[in-house]
C-alpha atoms as a PDB file:
ATOM      1  CA  ILE A   1      98.321  58.873 121.683  1.00  0.00           C
ATOM      2  CA  TRP A   2      99.694  55.654 123.041  1.00  0.00           C
ATOM      3  CA  TYR A   3      96.692  54.293 123.981  1.00  0.00           C
ATOM      4  CA  GLU A   4      96.484  53.729 119.417  1.00  0.00           C
ATOM      5  CA  LYS A   5      99.898  51.503 120.519  1.00  0.00           C
ATOM      6  CA  GLU A   6      98.473  49.241 122.111  1.00  0.00           C
ATOM      7  CA  PRO A   7      97.873  45.780 120.267  1.00  0.00           C
ATOM      8  CA  PRO A   8      93.852  46.035 118.855  1.00  0.00           C
ATOM      9  CA  ASN A   9      91.568  44.268 121.431  1.00  0.00           C
ATOM     10  CA  SER A  10      93.769  44.329 124.416  1.00  0.00           C
ATOM     11  CA  ILE A  11      91.348  46.484 126.338  1.00  0.00           C
ATOM     12  CA  LEU A  12      88.029  45.880 127.038  1.00  0.00           C
ATOM     13  CA  THR A  13      87.474  47.613 129.617  1.00  0.00           C
ATOM     14  CA  TRP A  14      87.428  50.435 132.547  1.00  0.00           C
ATOM     15  CA  ASP A  15      90.518  48.172 134.389  1.00  0.00           C
ATOM     16  CA  ASP A  16      92.503  47.255 131.214  1.00  0.00           C
ATOM     17  CA  LEU A  17      92.165  51.208 130.709  1.00  0.00           C
ATOM     18  CA  VAL A  18      93.025  52.126 134.134  1.00  0.00           C
ATOM     19  CA  ASN A  19      95.673  49.217 134.180  1.00  0.00           C
ATOM     20  CA  LYS A  20      97.210  50.175 130.983  1.00  0.00           C
ATOM     21  CA  PHE A  21      97.500  54.535 131.294  1.00  0.00           C
ATOM     22  CA  VAL A  22      99.081  54.038 134.616  1.00  0.00           C
ATOM     23  CA  ASN A  23     101.682  50.756 133.880  1.00  0.00           C
ATOM     24  CA  GLN A  24     101.789  53.609 131.246  1.00  0.00           C
ATOM     25  CA  PHE A  25     103.141  56.431 133.302  1.00  0.00           C
ATOM     26  CA  PHE A  26     104.289  55.231 135.837  1.00  0.00           C
ATOM     27  CA  ARG A  27     106.397  52.046 135.728  1.00  0.00           C
ATOM     28  CA  PRO A  28     106.394  49.381 138.694  1.00  0.00           C
ATOM     29  CA  SER A  29     110.136  50.570 140.322  1.00  0.00           C
ATOM     30  CA  LYS A  30     108.418  54.504 140.363  1.00  0.00           C
ATOM     31  CA  THR A  31     105.565  53.617 141.878  1.00  0.00           C
ATOM     32  CA  THR A  32     107.874  51.841 144.815  1.00  0.00           C
ATOM     33  CA  HIS A  33     109.409  54.226 144.837  1.00  0.00           C
ATOM     34  CA  LEU A  34     106.949  56.648 145.634  1.00  0.00           C
ATOM     35  CA  LYS A  35     104.781  54.401 147.520  1.00  0.00           C
ATOM     36  CA  ASN A  36     107.559  53.878 150.111  1.00  0.00           C
ATOM     37  CA  GLU A  37     107.774  57.433 150.644  1.00  0.00           C
ATOM     38  CA  ILE A  38     104.923  58.146 151.335  1.00  0.00           C
ATOM     39  CA  SER A  39     105.207  55.359 153.790  1.00  0.00           C
ATOM     40  CA  ARG A  40     107.986  56.841 155.796  1.00  0.00           C
ATOM     41  CA  PHE A  41     106.319  60.641 155.460  1.00  0.00           C
ATOM     42  CA  THR A  42     108.327  61.816 157.900  1.00  0.00           C
ATOM     43  CA  GLN A  43     107.299  66.489 159.168  1.00  0.00           C
ATOM     44  CA  ARG A  44     110.914  67.498 158.541  1.00  0.00           C
ATOM     45  CA  PHE A  45     113.140  69.517 161.479  1.00  0.00           C
ATOM     46  CA  GLU A  46     111.348  73.701 161.120  1.00  0.00           C
ATOM     47  CA  GLU A  47     109.002  72.562 158.653  1.00  0.00           C
ATOM     48  CA  THR A  48     105.965  73.677 159.862  1.00  0.00           C
ATOM     49  CA  PHE A  49     102.193  71.979 160.636  1.00  0.00           C
ATOM     50  CA  GLY A  50     100.923  73.045 157.787  1.00  0.00           C
ATOM     51  CA  GLU A  51     104.119  72.481 155.560  1.00  0.00           C
ATOM     52  CA  ALA A  52     103.567  69.066 156.508  1.00  0.00           C
ATOM     53  CA  TRP A  53     100.037  68.937 156.059  1.00  0.00           C
ATOM     54  CA  GLU A  54     100.130  70.164 152.013  1.00  0.00           C
ATOM     55  CA  ARG A  55     104.040  68.194 151.701  1.00  0.00           C
ATOM     56  CA  CYS A  56     102.218  64.977 152.847  1.00  0.00           C
ATOM     57  CA  LYS A  57      98.828  65.540 150.774  1.00  0.00           C
ATOM     58  CA  GLU A  58     100.945  66.079 147.780  1.00  0.00           C
ATOM     59  CA  MET A  59     102.952  63.110 148.444  1.00  0.00           C
ATOM     60  CA  LEU A  60      99.081  61.561 147.269  1.00  0.00           C
ATOM     61  CA  ARG A  61      98.562  63.594 144.763  1.00  0.00           C
ATOM     62  CA  ALA A  62     102.583  62.296 143.717  1.00  0.00           C
ATOM     63  CA  CYS A  63     101.375  58.653 143.708  1.00  0.00           C
ATOM     64  CA  PRO A  64      97.235  58.314 142.823  1.00  0.00           C
ATOM     65  CA  HIS A  65      96.740  54.421 142.657  1.00  0.00           C
ATOM     66  CA  HIS A  66      98.482  54.580 146.394  1.00  0.00           C
ATOM     67  CA  GLY A  67      96.095  52.314 147.273  1.00  0.00           C
ATOM     68  CA  PHE A  68      96.522  53.544 151.206  1.00  0.00           C
ATOM     69  CA  SER A  69      93.733  54.118 153.250  1.00  0.00           C
ATOM     70  CA  GLU A  70      92.032  56.899 154.507  1.00  0.00           C
ATOM     71  CA  LEU A  71      93.376  55.702 158.247  1.00  0.00           C
ATOM     72  CA  THR A  72      96.582  54.515 156.727  1.00  0.00           C
ATOM     73  CA  GLN A  73      97.119  57.925 155.163  1.00  0.00           C
ATOM     74  CA  ILE A  74      95.664  59.723 158.794  1.00  0.00           C
ATOM     75  CA  ASP A  75      98.226  57.290 160.481  1.00  0.00           C
ATOM     76  CA  THR A  76     100.322  58.232 158.581  1.00  0.00           C
ATOM     77  CA  PHE A  77     101.181  61.370 158.953  1.00  0.00           C
ATOM     78  CA  TYR A  78      99.780  61.742 161.985  1.00  0.00           C
ATOM     79  CA  ASN A  79     102.972  59.121 163.381  1.00  0.00           C
ATOM     80  CA  GLY A  80     105.015  60.825 161.600  1.00  0.00           C
ATOM     81  CA  LEU A  81     104.369  64.783 163.271  1.00  0.00           C
ATOM     82  CA  ASN A  82     107.588  65.954 165.793  1.00  0.00           C
ATOM     83  CA  LYS A  83     105.757  65.367 169.680  1.00  0.00           C
ATOM     84  CA  GLN A  84     104.214  69.030 169.862  1.00  0.00           C
ATOM     85  CA  ASP A  85     101.952  68.553 165.784  1.00  0.00           C
ATOM     86  CA  GLN A  86     100.717  64.971 167.816  1.00  0.00           C
ATOM     87  CA  ASP A  87      99.747  67.330 171.800  1.00  0.00           C
ATOM     88  CA  SER A  88      98.291  69.351 169.161  1.00  0.00           C
ATOM     89  CA  LEU A  89      95.805  67.231 167.418  1.00  0.00           C
ATOM     90  CA  ASN A  90      95.050  65.333 170.192  1.00  0.00           C
ATOM     91  CA  ALA A  91      94.325  68.375 171.755  1.00  0.00           C
ATOM     92  CA  ALA A  92      91.350  69.551 169.552  1.00  0.00           C
ATOM     93  CA  ALA A  93      90.295  65.501 169.737  1.00  0.00           C
ATOM     94  CA  SER A  94      90.274  65.019 173.348  1.00  0.00           C
ATOM     95  CA  GLY A  95      92.061  62.871 173.376  1.00  0.00           C
ATOM     96  CA  ASN A  96      93.883  60.743 171.285  1.00  0.00           C
ATOM     97  CA  LEU A  97      92.824  61.988 167.201  1.00  0.00           C
ATOM     98  CA  LEU A  98      94.078  58.286 166.208  1.00  0.00           C
ATOM     99  CA  SER A  99      90.843  56.676 167.361  1.00  0.00           C
ATOM    100  CA  LYS A 100      89.364  59.112 166.431  1.00  0.00           C
ATOM    101  CA  THR A 101      86.753  57.826 162.872  1.00  0.00           C
ATOM    102  CA  THR A 102      88.815  59.228 159.852  1.00  0.00           C
ATOM    103  CA  ARG A 103      86.062  61.748 158.860  1.00  0.00           C
ATOM    104  CA  GLU A 104      86.718  62.825 162.010  1.00  0.00           C
ATOM    105  CA  ALA A 105      90.685  63.129 161.856  1.00  0.00           C
ATOM    106  CA  LEU A 106      89.805  64.637 158.590  1.00  0.00           C
ATOM    107  CA  LYS A 107      88.136  67.621 160.439  1.00  0.00           C
ATOM    108  CA  ILE A 108      90.540  68.181 162.891  1.00  0.00           C
ATOM    109  CA  ILE A 109      94.130  68.603 161.280  1.00  0.00           C
ATOM    110  CA  GLU A 110      91.650  70.758 158.316  1.00  0.00           C
ATOM    111  CA  THR A 111      90.637  72.653 161.245  1.00  0.00           C
ATOM    112  CA  ASN A 112      93.931  73.233 162.389  1.00  0.00           C
ATOM    113  CA  GLN A 113      95.537  73.890 159.298  1.00  0.00           C
ATOM    114  CA  LYS A 114      92.905  76.322 158.875  1.00  0.00           C
ATOM    115  CA  PHE A 115      94.195  77.631 162.975  1.00  0.00           C
ATOM    116  CA  VAL A 116      97.490  77.278 162.494  1.00  0.00           C
ATOM    117  CA  ILE A 117      97.053  79.816 159.012  1.00  0.00           C
ATOM    118  CA  GLN A 118      95.207  82.497 160.307  1.00  0.00           C
ATOM    119  CA  GLU A 119      97.427  82.493 163.955  1.00  0.00           C
ATOM    120  CA  ALA A 120     100.775  82.743 161.598  1.00  0.00           C
ATOM    121  CA  ASN A 121      99.399  85.873 159.838  1.00  0.00           C
ATOM    122  CA  ARG A 122      97.918  87.552 162.667  1.00  0.00           C
ATOM    123  CA  MET A 123     101.425  87.482 164.164  1.00  0.00           C
ATOM    124  CA  PHE A 124     102.291  88.581 160.763  1.00  0.00           C
ATOM    125  CA  LEU A 125      99.784  90.661 159.604  1.00  0.00           C
ATOM    126  CA  GLY A 126     100.066  92.695 162.914  1.00  0.00           C
END
């Protein structure tokens, strides 16, 4: 196992272990690449709101040590959306989504995703 190859007494604290683990499995170049991808998030052409949200969350999960605050994550997601989906979120927020607290904004996004899925199911299933 990787940590058994570490020199004796090189891991004395939890932070030491976390740092060694991250450096073992997430090389700095990979971390930089993943963080840049997250920062440049943009909704793809013909990608639904729900697909965009899931892809954004997957990008964040792929780099668990990204260091972006929840507010920055929401801001990045919102600003990467197409105008129609931004307008939809703003309507659900009764104003600008980004003027809400982080918790409120996240709840609006999750609620909007559930609504979009329900509408798609209704259209598909009749």
